[in-house]
C-alpha atoms as a PDB file:
ATOM      1  CA  MET A   1       8.967   7.751  20.783  1.00  0.00           C
ATOM      2  CA  THR A   2       4.777   7.831  21.260  1.00  0.00           C
ATOM      3  CA  THR A   3       2.771   5.640  18.865  1.00  0.00           C
ATOM      4  CA  SER A   4       1.430   8.509  16.551  1.00  0.00           C
ATOM      5  CA  GLU A   5       5.580   9.382  16.041  1.00  0.00           C
ATOM      6  CA  ILE A   6       6.125   5.701  15.263  1.00  0.00           C
ATOM      7  CA  SER A   7       2.970   5.722  13.082  1.00  0.00           C
ATOM      8  CA  SER A   8       4.230   8.841  11.035  1.00  0.00           C
ATOM      9  CA  ASP A   9       7.377   7.307   9.878  1.00  0.00           C
ATOM     10  CA  PRO A  10       6.338   5.260   6.979  1.00  0.00           C
ATOM     11  CA  LYS A  11      10.150   3.312   7.374  1.00  0.00           C
ATOM     12  CA  THR A  12       9.145   2.273  10.215  1.00  0.00           C
ATOM     13  CA  ALA A  13       5.678   1.583   9.679  1.00  0.00           C
ATOM     14  CA  PHE A  14       6.343  -0.218   6.516  1.00  0.00           C
ATOM     15  CA  HIS A  15       8.706  -2.438   8.709  1.00  0.00           C
ATOM     16  CA  GLN A  16       6.669  -3.372  11.636  1.00  0.00           C
ATOM     17  CA  ARG A  17       3.716  -4.030   8.935  1.00  0.00           C
ATOM     18  CA  PHE A  18       6.403  -6.364   6.815  1.00  0.00           C
ATOM     19  CA  GLN A  19       7.734  -8.128   9.941  1.00  0.00           C
ATOM     20  CA  ARG A  20       4.421  -8.709  11.196  1.00  0.00           C
ATOM     21  CA  SER A  21       2.763  -9.898   7.953  1.00  0.00           C
ATOM     22  CA  SER A  22       6.272 -11.742   6.787  1.00  0.00           C
ATOM     23  CA  ALA A  23       5.979 -13.352  10.594  1.00  0.00           C
ATOM     24  CA  GLU A  24       2.597 -14.729   9.858  1.00  0.00           C
ATOM     25  CA  ILE A  25       3.445 -16.352   6.242  1.00  0.00           C
ATOM     26  CA  GLN A  26       5.982 -18.206   8.032  1.00  0.00           C
ATOM     27  CA  ALA A  27       3.726 -19.131  11.164  1.00  0.00           C
ATOM     28  CA  GLN A  28       1.453 -20.264   7.469  1.00  0.00           C
ATOM     29  CA  ILE A  29       4.686 -22.184   6.087  1.00  0.00           C
ATOM     30  CA  ASP A  30       5.393 -23.834   9.408  1.00  0.00           C
ATOM     31  CA  ALA A  31       1.351 -25.736   9.848  1.00  0.00           C
ATOM     32  CA  LEU A  32       1.635 -26.516   6.093  1.00  0.00           C
ATOM     33  CA  SER A  33       5.504 -28.654   6.825  1.00  0.00           C
ATOM     34  CA  LYS A  34       3.464 -30.087  10.048  1.00  0.00           C
ATOM     35  CA  GLY A  35       0.352 -30.926   7.654  1.00  0.00           C
ATOM     36  CA  ASP A  36      -1.548 -28.925  10.245  1.00  0.00           C
ATOM     37  CA  THR A  37      -4.490 -26.842   9.532  1.00  0.00           C
ATOM     38  CA  ILE A  38      -4.387 -23.883   7.478  1.00  0.00           C
ATOM     39  CA  ASN A  39      -6.133 -20.679   8.528  1.00  0.00           C
ATOM     40  CA  VAL A  40      -7.562 -19.198   5.255  1.00  0.00           C
ATOM     41  CA  PRO A  41      -7.487 -15.187   5.260  1.00  0.00           C
ATOM     42  CA  ASP A  42     -10.695 -13.067   5.288  1.00  0.00           C
ATOM     43  CA  SER A  43     -12.524 -16.488   5.195  1.00  0.00           C
ATOM     44  CA  SER A  44     -16.124 -16.597   6.551  1.00  0.00           C
ATOM     45  CA  SER A  45     -16.677 -16.143  10.441  1.00  0.00           C
ATOM     46  CA  GLN A  46     -15.900 -19.459  11.072  1.00  0.00           C
ATOM     47  CA  SER A  47     -15.040 -20.397  14.723  1.00  0.00           C
ATOM     48  CA  THR A  48     -13.093 -23.446  13.386  1.00  0.00           C
ATOM     49  CA  PRO A  49     -10.403 -22.796  10.992  1.00  0.00           C
ATOM     50  CA  MET A  50     -10.615 -24.061   7.275  1.00  0.00           C
ATOM     51  CA  ARG A  51      -7.879 -27.083   6.440  1.00  0.00           C
ATOM     52  CA  LEU A  52      -6.824 -27.039   3.080  1.00  0.00           C
ATOM     53  CA  ALA A  53      -6.172 -29.410   0.471  1.00  0.00           C
ATOM     54  CA  LEU A  54      -1.920 -28.869   0.043  1.00  0.00           C
ATOM     55  CA  GLY A  55      -2.459 -27.407  -3.567  1.00  0.00           C
ATOM     56  CA  ASP A  56      -4.517 -24.750  -2.113  1.00  0.00           C
ATOM     57  CA  ALA A  57      -2.597 -24.036   1.009  1.00  0.00           C
ATOM     58  CA  LEU A  58       0.116 -23.449  -1.223  1.00  0.00           C
ATOM     59  CA  ASN A  59      -1.690 -21.192  -3.652  1.00  0.00           C
ATOM     60  CA  THR A  60      -3.115 -19.434  -0.219  1.00  0.00           C
ATOM     61  CA  ILE A  61       0.536 -18.570   1.074  1.00  0.00           C
ATOM     62  CA  LEU A  62       1.936 -17.838  -2.342  1.00  0.00           C
ATOM     63  CA  TYR A  63      -0.714 -15.083  -2.803  1.00  0.00           C
ATOM     64  CA  LEU A  64      -0.098 -13.643   0.447  1.00  0.00           C
ATOM     65  CA  ILE A  65       3.873 -13.378  -0.566  1.00  0.00           C
ATOM     66  CA  SER A  66       2.604 -11.793  -3.517  1.00  0.00           C
ATOM     67  CA  GLY A  67       0.795  -9.332  -1.568  1.00  0.00           C
ATOM     68  CA  LEU A  68       3.937  -8.440   0.381  1.00  0.00           C
ATOM     69  CA  SER A  69       5.892  -8.454  -2.556  1.00  0.00           C
ATOM     70  CA  ASP A  70       3.258  -5.586  -4.017  1.00  0.00           C
ATOM     71  CA  ASP A  71       3.520  -3.424  -0.909  1.00  0.00           C
ATOM     72  CA  LEU A  72       7.625  -3.698  -1.237  1.00  0.00           C
ATOM     73  CA  ARG A  73       7.539  -2.088  -4.784  1.00  0.00           C
ATOM     74  CA  ASP A  74       4.928   0.712  -3.386  1.00  0.00           C
ATOM     75  CA  ALA A  75       7.362   1.357  -0.435  1.00  0.00           C
ATOM     76  CA  VAL A  76      11.037   1.794  -2.580  1.00  0.00           C
ATOM     77  CA  ALA A  77      10.572   5.655  -2.898  1.00  0.00           C
ATOM     78  CA  TYR A  78      11.348   5.820   0.769  1.00  0.00           C
ATOM     79  CA  LEU A  79      12.994   2.901   1.748  1.00  0.00           C
ATOM     80  CA  PRO A  80      17.069   2.798   1.885  1.00  0.00           C
ATOM     81  CA  THR A  81      18.620   0.191  -0.832  1.00  0.00           C
ATOM     82  CA  TYR A  82      19.733  -2.003   2.126  1.00  0.00           C
ATOM     83  CA  ASP A  83      16.451  -2.310   3.197  1.00  0.00           C
ATOM     84  CA  GLN A  84      15.054  -3.085  -0.222  1.00  0.00           C
ATOM     85  CA  ARG A  85      17.520  -5.703   0.035  1.00  0.00           C
ATOM     86  CA  ALA A  86      17.073  -7.015   3.415  1.00  0.00           C
ATOM     87  CA  TYR A  87      13.148  -7.304   2.861  1.00  0.00           C
ATOM     88  CA  SER A  88      13.373  -8.946  -0.567  1.00  0.00           C
ATOM     89  CA  GLY A  89      15.684 -11.692   0.851  1.00  0.00           C
ATOM     90  CA  THR A  90      12.691 -12.146   3.526  1.00  0.00           C
ATOM     91  CA  LEU A  91      10.127 -12.787  -0.236  1.00  0.00           C
ATOM     92  CA  LYS A  92      12.743 -15.058  -0.959  1.00  0.00           C
ATOM     93  CA  THR A  93      13.140 -16.930   1.570  1.00  0.00           C
ATOM     94  CA  LEU A  94       9.587 -17.275   2.391  1.00  0.00           C
ATOM     95  CA  THR A  95       9.144 -18.534  -0.972  1.00  0.00           C
ATOM     96  CA  ASP A  96      11.228 -20.865  -1.005  1.00  0.00           C
ATOM     97  CA  ASN A  97      10.174 -22.217   2.335  1.00  0.00           C
ATOM     98  CA  ALA A  98       6.207 -22.566   1.107  1.00  0.00           C
ATOM     99  CA  HIS A  99       7.702 -25.009  -1.857  1.00  0.00           C
ATOM    100  CA  ALA A 100      10.003 -26.555   0.705  1.00  0.00           C
ATOM    101  CA  ALA A 101       7.157 -26.998   2.882  1.00  0.00           C
ATOM    102  CA  LEU A 102       4.981 -28.790   0.429  1.00  0.00           C
ATOM    103  CA  THR A 103       7.622 -30.990  -1.171  1.00  0.00           C
ATOM    104  CA  ASN A 104       8.337 -32.178   2.797  1.00  0.00           C
ATOM    105  CA  VAL A 105       4.195 -33.375   3.084  1.00  0.00           C
ATOM    106  CA  ALA A 106       3.025 -34.186  -0.529  1.00  0.00           C
ATOM    107  CA  PRO A 107       1.589 -37.335  -0.683  1.00  0.00           C
ATOM    108  CA  LYS A 108       3.639 -40.193  -3.288  1.00  0.00           C
ATOM    109  CA  LYS A 109       1.211 -40.229  -5.250  1.00  0.00           C
ATOM    110  CA  LYS A 110       1.513 -40.462  -9.405  1.00  0.00           C
ATOM    111  CA  PHE A 111       0.344 -37.984 -11.278  1.00  0.00           C
ATOM    112  CA  GLY A 112      -1.874 -38.550 -14.305  1.00  0.00           C
ATOM    113  CA  PHE A 113      -0.007 -37.972 -17.547  1.00  0.00           C
ATOM    114  CA  LYS A 114      -1.406 -38.170 -21.395  1.00  0.00           C
ATOM    115  CA  ASN A 115      -0.571 -37.729 -25.048  1.00  0.00           C
ATOM    116  CA  SER A 116      -3.176 -34.981 -25.928  1.00  0.00           C
ATOM    117  CA  ARG A 117      -3.238 -37.128 -29.758  1.00  0.00           C
ATOM    118  CA  ALA A 118      -3.835 -40.760 -27.130  1.00  0.00           C
ATOM    119  CA  PRO A 119      -4.273 -40.715 -23.803  1.00  0.00           C
ATOM    120  CA  PRO A 120      -2.310 -44.017 -22.399  1.00  0.00           C
ATOM    121  CA  PRO A 121      -4.546 -46.081 -19.883  1.00  0.00           C
ATOM    122  CA  ALA A 122      -4.348 -45.081 -16.260  1.00  0.00           C
ATOM    123  CA  PRO A 123      -1.330 -45.930 -14.452  1.00  0.00           C
ATOM    124  CA  THR A 124      -1.529 -48.766 -11.583  1.00  0.00           C
ATOM    125  CA  ASP A 125       1.690 -48.690  -9.826  1.00  0.00           C
ATOM    126  CA  ALA A 126       2.856 -45.496  -7.471  1.00  0.00           C
ATOM    127  CA  PRO A 127       6.569 -44.122  -7.772  1.00  0.00           C
ATOM    128  CA  ALA A 128       9.175 -43.989  -5.170  1.00  0.00           C
ATOM    129  CA  THR A 129       8.645 -40.112  -5.441  1.00  0.00           C
ATOM    130  CA  PRO A 130       6.016 -37.648  -6.508  1.00  0.00           C
ATOM    131  CA  LYS A 131       8.474 -36.579  -9.562  1.00  0.00           C
ATOM    132  CA  PRO A 132       6.065 -36.109 -12.964  1.00  0.00           C
ATOM    133  CA  GLN A 133       6.954 -38.388 -16.004  1.00  0.00           C
ATOM    134  CA  VAL A 134       7.338 -37.203 -19.283  1.00  0.00           C
ATOM    135  CA  VAL A 135       5.885 -39.388 -22.143  1.00  0.00           C
ATOM    136  CA  SER A 136       7.385 -38.955 -25.472  1.00  0.00           C
ATOM    137  CA  ASN A 137       8.979 -35.126 -24.430  1.00  0.00           C
ATOM    138  CA  VAL A 138       5.309 -34.185 -23.785  1.00  0.00           C
ATOM    139  CA  LEU A 139       3.874 -33.404 -20.623  1.00  0.00           C
ATOM    140  CA  HIS A 140      -0.142 -32.934 -19.589  1.00  0.00           C
ATOM    141  CA  ALA A 141      -0.258 -32.142 -16.009  1.00  0.00           C
ATOM    142  CA  ALA A 142      -4.018 -33.779 -14.448  1.00  0.00           C
ATOM    143  CA  SER A 143      -5.375 -32.831 -11.609  1.00  0.00           C
ATOM    144  CA  ALA A 144      -4.366 -35.513  -8.385  1.00  0.00           C
ATOM    145  CA  PRO A 145      -5.764 -35.247  -4.839  1.00  0.00           C
ATOM    146  CA  SER A 146      -3.511 -32.816  -3.586  1.00  0.00           C
ATOM    147  CA  VAL A 147      -3.496 -30.242  -6.318  1.00  0.00           C
ATOM    148  CA  PRO A 148      -7.116 -28.784  -7.119  1.00  0.00           C
ATOM    149  CA  SER A 149      -8.574 -28.756 -10.343  1.00  0.00           C
ATOM    150  CA  ASN A 150      -7.853 -24.610 -10.934  1.00  0.00           C
ATOM    151  CA  SER A 151      -4.380 -24.929 -10.035  1.00  0.00           C
ATOM    152  CA  LEU A 152      -1.948 -25.948 -12.268  1.00  0.00           C
ATOM    153  CA  THR A 153       1.606 -27.209 -10.842  1.00  0.00           C
ATOM    154  CA  LEU A 154       4.959 -28.460 -12.955  1.00  0.00           C
ATOM    155  CA  THR A 155       7.598 -29.324 -11.509  1.00  0.00           C
ATOM    156  CA  ASN A 156      11.502 -31.243 -11.933  1.00  0.00           C
ATOM    157  CA  LEU A 157      11.148 -31.220 -16.328  1.00  0.00           C
ATOM    158  CA  ASN A 158      13.647 -31.592 -18.474  1.00  0.00           C
ATOM    159  CA  SER A 159      14.192 -31.860 -22.574  1.00  0.00           C
ATOM    160  CA  THR A 160      10.168 -31.437 -22.501  1.00  0.00           C
ATOM    161  CA  LEU A 161       7.391 -29.872 -25.036  1.00  0.00           C
ATOM    162  CA  TYR A 162       4.471 -28.470 -22.853  1.00  0.00           C
ATOM    163  CA  THR A 163       1.010 -27.849 -24.245  1.00  0.00           C
ATOM    164  CA  PRO A 164      -2.426 -28.150 -22.607  1.00  0.00           C
ATOM    165  CA  PRO A 165      -4.265 -30.625 -23.938  1.00  0.00           C
ATOM    166  CA  SER A 166      -6.839 -28.167 -25.280  1.00  0.00           C
ATOM    167  CA  LEU A 167      -7.075 -23.957 -24.225  1.00  0.00           C
ATOM    168  CA  PRO A 168      -9.922 -24.460 -21.332  1.00  0.00           C
ATOM    169  CA  SER A 169     -12.909 -22.104 -21.407  1.00  0.00           C
ATOM    170  CA  ASP A 170     -12.591 -22.235 -17.196  1.00  0.00           C
ATOM    171  CA  PRO A 171      -8.398 -21.898 -16.677  1.00  0.00           C
ATOM    172  CA  PRO A 172      -6.433 -22.364 -14.259  1.00  0.00           C
ATOM    173  CA  GLN A 173      -6.302 -19.528 -11.095  1.00  0.00           C
ATOM    174  CA  THR A 174      -2.722 -20.046 -10.465  1.00  0.00           C
ATOM    175  CA  LEU A 175       0.507 -21.328 -12.072  1.00  0.00           C
ATOM    176  CA  THR A 176       3.712 -22.856 -10.205  1.00  0.00           C
ATOM    177  CA  LEU A 177       6.780 -23.913 -12.128  1.00  0.00           C
ATOM    178  CA  ASN A 178       9.851 -25.298 -10.428  1.00  0.00           C
ATOM    179  CA  SER A 179      12.890 -27.066 -11.724  1.00  0.00           C
ATOM    180  CA  VAL A 180      12.364 -27.171 -15.195  1.00  0.00           C
ATOM    181  CA  SER A 181      15.255 -27.047 -17.557  1.00  0.00           C
ATOM    182  CA  TYR A 182      16.002 -26.962 -21.407  1.00  0.00           C
ATOM    183  CA  SER A 183      11.720 -27.146 -21.953  1.00  0.00           C
ATOM    184  CA  VAL A 184       9.709 -25.240 -24.330  1.00  0.00           C
ATOM    185  CA  LEU A 185       6.519 -24.800 -22.126  1.00  0.00           C
ATOM    186  CA  PHE A 186       3.018 -23.183 -24.075  1.00  0.00           C
ATOM    187  CA  LEU A 187       1.457 -22.309 -20.733  1.00  0.00           C
ATOM    188  CA  GLY A 188      -1.693 -20.734 -22.016  1.00  0.00           C
ATOM    189  CA  LYS A 189      -3.776 -18.404 -20.405  1.00  0.00           C
ATOM    190  CA  ILE A 190      -3.585 -18.471 -16.150  1.00  0.00           C
ATOM    191  CA  ASP A 191      -6.536 -16.141 -14.430  1.00  0.00           C
ATOM    192  CA  GLY A 192      -4.045 -15.098 -11.371  1.00  0.00           C
ATOM    193  CA  PRO A 193      -0.504 -15.011 -10.636  1.00  0.00           C
ATOM    194  CA  ALA A 194       2.510 -17.123 -12.127  1.00  0.00           C
ATOM    195  CA  HIS A 195       5.512 -18.326  -9.751  1.00  0.00           C
ATOM    196  CA  LEU A 196       7.987 -19.476 -12.100  1.00  0.00           C
ATOM    197  CA  THR A 197      11.318 -21.031  -9.790  1.00  0.00           C
ATOM    198  CA  SER A 198      14.732 -22.095 -10.806  1.00  0.00           C
ATOM    199  CA  LEU A 199      13.835 -22.238 -14.511  1.00  0.00           C
ATOM    200  CA  SER A 200      17.036 -22.583 -17.297  1.00  0.00           C
ATOM    201  CA  GLU A 201      17.394 -22.611 -20.687  1.00  0.00           C
ATOM    202  CA  CYS A 202      13.679 -22.248 -21.388  1.00  0.00           C
ATOM    203  CA  VAL A 203      11.169 -20.584 -23.643  1.00  0.00           C
ATOM    204  CA  ILE A 204       7.692 -19.550 -22.130  1.00  0.00           C
ATOM    205  CA  LEU A 205       4.255 -18.281 -23.542  1.00  0.00           C
ATOM    206  CA  LEU A 206       2.019 -17.249 -20.909  1.00  0.00           C
ATOM    207  CA  SER A 207      -1.053 -14.601 -20.003  1.00  0.00           C
ATOM    208  CA  CYS A 208      -1.567 -14.052 -16.662  1.00  0.00           C
ATOM    209  CA  HIS A 209      -2.438 -11.495 -13.679  1.00  0.00           C
ATOM    210  CA  GLN A 210       0.884 -11.578 -11.695  1.00  0.00           C
ATOM    211  CA  LEU A 211       4.570 -12.668 -12.699  1.00  0.00           C
ATOM    212  CA  ARG A 212       6.818 -13.989 -10.069  1.00  0.00           C
ATOM    213  CA  VAL A 213      10.144 -14.819 -11.194  1.00  0.00           C
ATOM    214  CA  HIS A 214      13.050 -16.212  -8.938  1.00  0.00           C
ATOM    215  CA  ASP A 215      16.401 -17.813  -9.915  1.00  0.00           C
ATOM    216  CA  CYS A 216      15.835 -18.232 -13.681  1.00  0.00           C
ATOM    217  CA  LYS A 217      18.635 -17.771 -16.350  1.00  0.00           C
ATOM    218  CA  ASN A 218      18.311 -17.842 -19.689  1.00  0.00           C
ATOM    219  CA  VAL A 219      14.944 -17.660 -20.234  1.00  0.00           C
ATOM    220  CA  ASP A 220      12.353 -16.088 -22.772  1.00  0.00           C
ATOM    221  CA  VAL A 221       9.205 -15.267 -22.075  1.00  0.00           C
ATOM    222  CA  TYR A 222       6.459 -14.502 -24.295  1.00  0.00           C
ATOM    223  CA  LEU A 223       3.828 -12.588 -21.976  1.00  0.00           C
ATOM    224  CA  TRP A 224       0.698 -11.023 -21.401  1.00  0.00           C
ATOM    225  CA  CYS A 225       0.398  -9.675 -17.612  1.00  0.00           C
ATOM    226  CA  ARG A 226      -1.968  -7.280 -15.859  1.00  0.00           C
ATOM    227  CA  SER A 227       0.921  -6.134 -13.705  1.00  0.00           C
ATOM    228  CA  ARG A 228       4.416  -5.343 -13.716  1.00  0.00           C
ATOM    229  CA  PRO A 229       6.350  -8.524 -13.822  1.00  0.00           C
ATOM    230  CA  ILE A 230       8.880  -9.205 -11.018  1.00  0.00           C
ATOM    231  CA  ILE A 231      12.111 -10.666 -11.102  1.00  0.00           C
ATOM    232  CA  GLU A 232      14.529 -11.582  -8.453  1.00  0.00           C
ATOM    233  CA  ALA A 233      17.832 -13.472  -8.439  1.00  0.00           C
ATOM    234  CA  CYS A 234      18.088 -13.918 -12.457  1.00  0.00           C
ATOM    235  CA  HIS A 235      20.089 -13.617 -15.189  1.00  0.00           C
ATOM    236  CA  GLY A 236      19.060 -13.167 -19.222  1.00  0.00           C
ATOM    237  CA  MET A 237      15.537 -12.685 -18.612  1.00  0.00           C
ATOM    238  CA  ARG A 238      14.113 -11.932 -21.917  1.00  0.00           C
ATOM    239  CA  PHE A 239      10.562 -10.805 -22.619  1.00  0.00           C
ATOM    240  CA  ALA A 240       8.444 -10.293 -25.464  1.00  0.00           C
ATOM    241  CA  PRO A 241       4.185  -9.769 -25.922  1.00  0.00           C
ATOM    242  CA  LEU A 242       2.275 -12.408 -26.163  1.00  0.00           C
ATOM    243  CA  SER A 243       0.958 -12.253 -30.298  1.00  0.00           C
ATOM    244  CA  GLY A 244      -2.941 -11.150 -29.769  1.00  0.00           C
ATOM    245  CA  SER A 245      -3.876 -13.396 -32.802  1.00  0.00           C
ATOM    246  CA  LEU A 246      -3.541 -16.097 -30.380  1.00  0.00           C
ATOM    247  CA  GLY A 247      -6.287 -15.436 -28.435  1.00  0.00           C
ATOM    248  CA  LEU A 248      -5.425 -15.374 -24.770  1.00  0.00           C
ATOM    249  CA  ASP A 249      -5.195 -11.379 -24.098  1.00  0.00           C
ATOM    250  CA  GLY A 250      -6.443 -10.558 -20.994  1.00  0.00           C
ATOM    251  CA  LYS A 251      -8.481  -7.130 -19.729  1.00  0.00           C
ATOM    252  CA  GLY A 252      -6.686  -4.145 -19.340  1.00  0.00           C
ATOM    253  CA  GLU A 253      -2.972  -2.982 -20.451  1.00  0.00           C
ATOM    254  CA  ASN A 254      -0.501  -5.426 -20.981  1.00  0.00           C
ATOM    255  CA  GLN A 255       2.541  -4.538 -18.671  1.00  0.00           C
ATOM    256  CA  TRP A 256       4.951  -7.254 -19.940  1.00  0.00           C
ATOM    257  CA  GLU A 257       8.153  -4.893 -20.407  1.00  0.00           C
ATOM    258  CA  HIS A 258       7.594  -3.237 -17.342  1.00  0.00           C
ATOM    259  CA  VAL A 259       9.790  -5.799 -15.431  1.00  0.00           C
ATOM    260  CA  ASP A 260      11.186  -4.655 -11.528  1.00  0.00           C
ATOM    261  CA  ASP A 261      14.059  -6.410 -10.856  1.00  0.00           C
ATOM    262  CA  PHE A 262      14.491  -6.438  -6.705  1.00  0.00           C
ATOM    263  CA  ARG A 263      18.042  -7.142  -7.045  1.00  0.00           C
ATOM    264  CA  TRP A 264      19.131  -4.193  -9.002  1.00  0.00           C
ATOM    265  CA  LEU A 265      17.389  -1.135  -7.322  1.00  0.00           C
ATOM    266  CA  LYS A 266      20.083   1.366  -9.346  1.00  0.00           C
ATOM    267  CA  GLN A 267      18.141   3.800 -11.847  1.00  0.00           C
ATOM    268  CA  GLU A 268      20.013   2.430 -14.810  1.00  0.00           C
ATOM    269  CA  GLN A 269      18.136  -0.342 -16.381  1.00  0.00           C
ATOM    270  CA  SER A 270      18.808  -3.872 -14.666  1.00  0.00           C
ATOM    271  CA  PRO A 271      21.826  -6.156 -16.730  1.00  0.00           C
ATOM    272  CA  ASN A 272      19.017  -9.602 -15.449  1.00  0.00           C
ATOM    273  CA  TRP A 273      16.434  -8.892 -18.249  1.00  0.00           C
ATOM    274  CA  SER A 274      16.169  -7.342 -21.498  1.00  0.00           C
ATOM    275  CA  ILE A 275      13.103  -6.953 -24.232  1.00  0.00           C
ATOM    276  CA  LEU A 276      13.684  -9.430 -26.797  1.00  0.00           C
ATOM    277  CA  PRO A 277      14.177  -7.821 -30.540  1.00  0.00           C
ATOM    278  CA  SER A 278      11.347  -8.325 -32.750  1.00  0.00           C
ATOM    279  CA  ASP A 279      13.638  -9.755 -35.676  1.00  0.00           C
ATOM    280  CA  MET A 280      14.527 -12.643 -32.840  1.00  0.00           C
ATOM    281  CA  ARG A 281      11.064 -13.648 -31.374  1.00  0.00           C
ATOM    282  CA  VAL A 282       8.946 -16.800 -32.270  1.00  0.00           C
ATOM    283  CA  LYS A 283       6.472 -15.809 -34.662  1.00  0.00           C
ATOM    284  CA  ALA A 284       2.790 -16.128 -33.872  1.00  0.00           C
ATOM    285  CA  GLU A 285       2.727 -18.803 -36.535  1.00  0.00           C
ATOM    286  CA  ASP A 286       5.124 -20.916 -34.974  1.00  0.00           C
ATOM    287  CA  TRP A 287       3.487 -20.705 -31.658  1.00  0.00           C
ATOM    288  CA  GLU A 288       0.145 -21.800 -33.404  1.00  0.00           C
ATOM    289  CA  GLU A 289       2.293 -25.029 -35.113  1.00  0.00           C
ATOM    290  CA  VAL A 290       3.247 -25.711 -31.676  1.00  0.00           C
ATOM    291  CA  ALA A 291      -0.366 -25.985 -30.215  1.00  0.00           C
ATOM    292  CA  ASP A 292      -1.638 -27.888 -33.447  1.00  0.00           C
ATOM    293  CA  ALA A 293       1.293 -29.789 -33.809  1.00  0.00           C
ATOM    294  CA  ASP A 294       0.892 -33.915 -33.793  1.00  0.00           C
ATOM    295  CA  GLU A 295       3.388 -36.086 -31.853  1.00  0.00           C
ATOM    296  CA  ALA A 296       5.590 -36.664 -34.603  1.00  0.00           C
ATOM    297  CA  GLN A 297       6.325 -33.010 -35.060  1.00  0.00           C
ATOM    298  CA  ARG A 298       6.374 -32.115 -31.600  1.00  0.00           C
ATOM    299  CA  GLU A 299      10.005 -33.068 -30.599  1.00  0.00           C
ATOM    300  CA  ILE A 300      11.421 -31.440 -33.852  1.00  0.00           C
ATOM    301  CA  LEU A 301       9.445 -28.033 -33.028  1.00  0.00           C
ATOM    302  CA  LYS A 302      10.915 -28.211 -29.340  1.00  0.00           C
ATOM    303  CA  GLU A 303      14.377 -28.321 -30.447  1.00  0.00           C
ATOM    304  CA  LYS A 304      13.939 -25.909 -33.280  1.00  0.00           C
ATOM    305  CA  LEU A 305      12.459 -23.271 -30.770  1.00  0.00           C
ATOM    306  CA  LEU A 306      15.150 -23.890 -28.130  1.00  0.00           C
ATOM    307  CA  ALA A 307      17.805 -23.759 -30.595  1.00  0.00           C
ATOM    308  CA  LEU A 308      16.350 -20.771 -32.049  1.00  0.00           C
ATOM    309  CA  SER A 309      16.827 -19.170 -28.367  1.00  0.00           C
ATOM    310  CA  ALA A 310      20.167 -20.010 -27.995  1.00  0.00           C
ATOM    311  CA  LYS A 311      21.600 -18.902 -30.986  1.00  0.00           C
ATOM    312  CA  ARG A 312      19.841 -15.312 -31.046  1.00  0.00           C
ATOM    313  CA  ARG A 313      21.232 -15.098 -27.300  1.00  0.00           C
ATOM    314  CA  PRO A 314      24.412 -13.708 -26.313  1.00  0.00           C
ATOM    315  CA  PRO A 315      26.492 -15.543 -23.789  1.00  0.00           C
ATOM    316  CA  LEU A 316      26.259 -14.274 -19.901  1.00  0.00           C
ATOM    317  CA  SER A 317      28.988 -12.294 -19.331  1.00  0.00           C
END
């Protein structure tokens, strides 16, 4: 087969591009796991590769994976079902490898957390592990040397009500959530992509440019998203539009209900996600109450929203 014949076959051409791109991304992940220099794609014409902070390096890799996910979504019209599943599996492996690489090399720093009403003194002792701490079930992630101020990363949370200290005029460029359970997260506006991994029994409010959800179960997402959300290896996902009265809408059309399930490639509706009926949704005034609540009210509101979500959710078959 000639080169022109190969390039004219869309399946073969896509396979070649995908294999090349995935190999390049894995090379970036390997470099991150070793703490080596991370090459920035399409950067300025520097002869020496740019070394990124760990948080920036992870976000660069996740951007590349998101772009590859978009390419796969555009190619589903001509790819066989088996190939689609294989490519989706590769994307999930890359995402998992990226998070694992960051965990392996992250410095044992202690994140700073504060109550939005009464900030505690700065911590002086570093813990044995980099897991976040929760103060009165309210967590605010402060920037750390390994995480750039324009990124928000929350990991290893349980029974938490999260609200940002304020709704910033310059919101985070990226969001990464990993290993969160039984929590209510009022995340507000994210200017770029949001990556949700290993969440269970959560209620989330979020405005973002792209949404990628992996390995999540029983999560309600109140969403504004400019592109089609993508889920993979998820169960019991429910979506509702973000209320315009909260002032978190982005530019363009809200694609909140146009969800693509990479593990469900049949024509009929995926059983892994659904639209949350309007009479079962958290009302805008309740979200406003969450944002404005004082410390004494927060635990009550968290339990109220989680109980309401669980009560309205049918059991998984």
